[in-house]
C-alpha atoms as a PDB file:
ATOM      1  CA  MET A   1     -54.401 152.160 244.815  1.00  0.00           C
ATOM      2  CA  SER A   2     -53.711 149.913 241.836  1.00  0.00           C
ATOM      3  CA  ALA A   3     -50.417 148.191 241.063  1.00  0.00           C
ATOM      4  CA  PHE A   4     -47.698 150.238 239.433  1.00  0.00           C
ATOM      5  CA  THR A   5     -47.132 149.807 235.701  1.00  0.00           C
ATOM      6  CA  ALA A   6     -43.898 151.721 235.142  1.00  0.00           C
ATOM      7  CA  ALA A   7     -40.894 152.983 237.048  1.00  0.00           C
ATOM      8  CA  ILE A   8     -38.218 155.576 236.383  1.00  0.00           C
ATOM      9  CA  ILE A   9     -34.947 155.168 238.234  1.00  0.00           C
ATOM     10  CA  ALA A  10     -32.634 158.174 238.580  1.00  0.00           C
ATOM     11  CA  THR A  11     -28.964 157.477 239.235  1.00  0.00           C
ATOM     12  CA  LYS A  12     -25.827 159.563 239.195  1.00  0.00           C
ATOM     13  CA  PRO A  13     -22.399 158.201 238.237  1.00  0.00           C
ATOM     14  CA  ARG A  14     -19.853 158.090 241.021  1.00  0.00           C
ATOM     15  CA  THR A  15     -16.418 159.546 240.417  1.00  0.00           C
ATOM     16  CA  ASN A  16     -15.101 156.314 238.864  1.00  0.00           C
ATOM     17  CA  ASP A  17     -17.885 156.387 236.207  1.00  0.00           C
ATOM     18  CA  ILE A  18     -18.486 152.652 236.696  1.00  0.00           C
ATOM     19  CA  GLU A  19     -20.707 152.609 239.760  1.00  0.00           C
ATOM     20  CA  HIS A  20     -23.874 154.624 240.140  1.00  0.00           C
ATOM     21  CA  ARG A  21     -25.625 156.032 243.176  1.00  0.00           C
ATOM     22  CA  LEU A  22     -29.417 155.793 243.379  1.00  0.00           C
ATOM     23  CA  ASN A  23     -30.808 159.313 243.678  1.00  0.00           C
ATOM     24  CA  ALA A  24     -34.522 158.607 243.482  1.00  0.00           C
ATOM     25  CA  TYR A  25     -37.179 156.597 241.722  1.00  0.00           C
ATOM     26  CA  ALA A  26     -40.745 157.154 240.580  1.00  0.00           C
ATOM     27  CA  LEU A  27     -43.541 154.612 240.279  1.00  0.00           C
ATOM     28  CA  LEU A  28     -46.484 155.109 237.917  1.00  0.00           C
ATOM     29  CA  PHE A  29     -49.884 154.023 239.158  1.00  0.00           C
ATOM     30  CA  GLU A  30     -52.465 153.942 236.382  1.00  0.00           C
ATOM     31  CA  GLY A  31     -56.124 154.393 237.072  1.00  0.00           C
ATOM     32  CA  GLU A  32     -58.703 157.101 236.565  1.00  0.00           C
ATOM     33  CA  ARG A  33     -55.847 159.620 236.790  1.00  0.00           C
ATOM     34  CA  PRO A  34     -52.204 158.572 236.287  1.00  0.00           C
ATOM     35  CA  LEU A  35     -50.209 159.155 239.452  1.00  0.00           C
ATOM     36  CA  TRP A  36     -46.433 159.307 239.825  1.00  0.00           C
ATOM     37  CA  GLU A  37     -45.168 158.449 243.298  1.00  0.00           C
ATOM     38  CA  ILE A  38     -41.646 159.847 243.653  1.00  0.00           C
ATOM     39  CA  HIS A  39     -39.354 158.385 246.317  1.00  0.00           C
ATOM     40  CA  ILE A  40     -36.269 160.333 247.333  1.00  0.00           C
ATOM     41  CA  GLU A  41     -34.349 159.699 250.526  1.00  0.00           C
ATOM     42  CA  ARG A  42     -37.060 159.216 253.154  1.00  0.00           C
ATOM     43  CA  LYS A  43     -39.647 161.378 251.403  1.00  0.00           C
ATOM     44  CA  VAL A  44     -42.489 160.444 249.068  1.00  0.00           C
ATOM     45  CA  PHE A  45     -44.090 162.934 246.686  1.00  0.00           C
ATOM     46  CA  GLN A  46     -47.159 162.309 244.580  1.00  0.00           C
ATOM     47  CA  TYR A  47     -47.801 163.975 241.261  1.00  0.00           C
ATOM     48  CA  ILE A  48     -50.976 163.575 239.189  1.00  0.00           C
ATOM     49  CA  SER A  49     -49.946 163.528 235.552  1.00  0.00           C
ATOM     50  CA  ASN A  50     -51.693 164.663 232.410  1.00  0.00           C
ATOM     51  CA  PRO A  51     -52.574 161.412 230.551  1.00  0.00           C
ATOM     52  CA  GLU A  52     -51.055 162.759 227.324  1.00  0.00           C
ATOM     53  CA  ASN A  53     -47.689 163.687 228.922  1.00  0.00           C
ATOM     54  CA  ILE A  54     -47.151 160.868 231.405  1.00  0.00           C
ATOM     55  CA  LEU A  55     -43.510 160.102 230.635  1.00  0.00           C
ATOM     56  CA  GLU A  56     -42.365 163.698 230.203  1.00  0.00           C
ATOM     57  CA  GLU A  57     -43.999 164.840 233.433  1.00  0.00           C
ATOM     58  CA  GLY A  58     -42.650 161.839 235.344  1.00  0.00           C
ATOM     59  CA  VAL A  59     -39.068 162.475 234.239  1.00  0.00           C
ATOM     60  CA  MET A  60     -39.341 166.236 234.840  1.00  0.00           C
ATOM     61  CA  GLN A  61     -40.810 165.820 238.338  1.00  0.00           C
ATOM     62  CA  LEU A  62     -38.190 163.220 239.230  1.00  0.00           C
ATOM     63  CA  ASN A  63     -35.389 165.479 237.958  1.00  0.00           C
ATOM     64  CA  LYS A  64     -36.858 168.428 239.875  1.00  0.00           C
ATOM     65  CA  GLN A  65     -36.959 166.486 243.162  1.00  0.00           C
ATOM     66  CA  CYS A  66     -33.315 165.389 242.701  1.00  0.00           C
ATOM     67  CA  GLN A  67     -32.072 168.986 242.525  1.00  0.00           C
ATOM     68  CA  PRO A  68     -31.101 171.191 245.464  1.00  0.00           C
ATOM     69  CA  PRO A  69     -33.891 173.570 246.598  1.00  0.00           C
ATOM     70  CA  ASN A  70     -34.369 176.707 244.503  1.00  0.00           C
ATOM     71  CA  GLN A  71     -32.039 175.427 241.811  1.00  0.00           C
ATOM     72  CA  GLU A  72     -33.411 174.676 238.360  1.00  0.00           C
ATOM     73  CA  ILE A  73     -31.147 172.375 236.372  1.00  0.00           C
ATOM     74  CA  ASP A  74     -32.136 171.065 232.980  1.00  0.00           C
ATOM     75  CA  LEU A  75     -32.061 167.365 232.177  1.00  0.00           C
ATOM     76  CA  LEU A  76     -28.858 167.561 230.149  1.00  0.00           C
ATOM     77  CA  HIS A  77     -26.719 169.287 232.783  1.00  0.00           C
ATOM     78  CA  SER A  78     -28.018 167.471 235.856  1.00  0.00           C
ATOM     79  CA  ARG A  79     -25.653 164.463 235.313  1.00  0.00           C
ATOM     80  CA  ILE A  80     -28.606 162.266 236.281  1.00  0.00           C
ATOM     81  CA  GLU A  81     -29.114 159.116 234.255  1.00  0.00           C
ATOM     82  CA  PHE A  82     -32.613 157.701 233.900  1.00  0.00           C
ATOM     83  CA  THR A  83     -33.841 154.167 233.327  1.00  0.00           C
ATOM     84  CA  LEU A  84     -37.479 153.617 232.368  1.00  0.00           C
ATOM     85  CA  LEU A  85     -38.990 150.236 233.231  1.00  0.00           C
ATOM     86  CA  THR A  86     -42.399 149.450 231.745  1.00  0.00           C
ATOM     87  CA  TRP A  87     -44.755 146.533 231.521  1.00  0.00           C
ATOM     88  CA  PRO A  88     -46.504 145.563 228.287  1.00  0.00           C
ATOM     89  CA  GLY A  89     -49.644 147.581 227.720  1.00  0.00           C
ATOM     90  CA  VAL A  90     -48.609 150.618 229.775  1.00  0.00           C
ATOM     91  CA  TYR A  91     -50.286 153.780 228.477  1.00  0.00           C
ATOM     92  CA  MET A  92     -47.540 156.261 227.551  1.00  0.00           C
ATOM     93  CA  PRO A  93     -48.301 158.242 224.408  1.00  0.00           C
ATOM     94  CA  ASN A  94     -45.264 159.100 222.270  1.00  0.00           C
ATOM     95  CA  LYS A  95     -42.929 157.147 224.569  1.00  0.00           C
ATOM     96  CA  GLU A  96     -40.469 156.132 221.847  1.00  0.00           C
ATOM     97  CA  ALA A  97     -40.433 159.611 220.269  1.00  0.00           C
ATOM     98  CA  GLU A  98     -39.807 161.333 223.619  1.00  0.00           C
ATOM     99  CA  ILE A  99     -36.979 158.955 224.538  1.00  0.00           C
ATOM    100  CA  ALA A 100     -35.381 159.372 221.094  1.00  0.00           C
ATOM    101  CA  LYS A 101     -35.586 163.183 221.340  1.00  0.00           C
ATOM    102  CA  TRP A 102     -34.003 163.243 224.821  1.00  0.00           C
ATOM    103  CA  GLN A 103     -31.252 160.867 223.716  1.00  0.00           C
ATOM    104  CA  GLU A 104     -30.606 163.022 220.645  1.00  0.00           C
ATOM    105  CA  ASP A 105     -30.323 166.048 222.953  1.00  0.00           C
ATOM    106  CA  GLY A 106     -27.741 164.204 225.085  1.00  0.00           C
ATOM    107  CA  VAL A 107     -29.917 163.140 228.029  1.00  0.00           C
ATOM    108  CA  VAL A 108     -29.001 159.668 229.279  1.00  0.00           C
ATOM    109  CA  ILE A 109     -32.233 157.658 229.358  1.00  0.00           C
ATOM    110  CA  ALA A 110     -32.584 153.936 228.735  1.00  0.00           C
ATOM    111  CA  GLU A 111     -35.726 151.851 228.397  1.00  0.00           C
ATOM    112  CA  ARG A 112     -36.283 148.337 229.695  1.00  0.00           C
ATOM    113  CA  VAL A 113     -39.495 146.415 228.989  1.00  0.00           C
END
């Protein structure tokens, strides 16, 4: 497996709204097929992403794994905050547009390069 080129970190604010608790994180491995490796508690899930929807599918899969079983919660109401870490040259079509749309909708997502 190749080195990872991006990460999404999912945190949830604690009751004091200053500290955050790490819920899960996802690592993107680029190659023939982009692969998200999602780490939550002591479990690891792998998700092969569509190359044209890498960021969206990574965030959605990470959000899905952070939710209780059989409970579908949208990004806005999950209270999960996301941080995207990328390296220069990472292939993520429409990254800036997707982040701007989510932020406009009220989803807390920050980008660090």
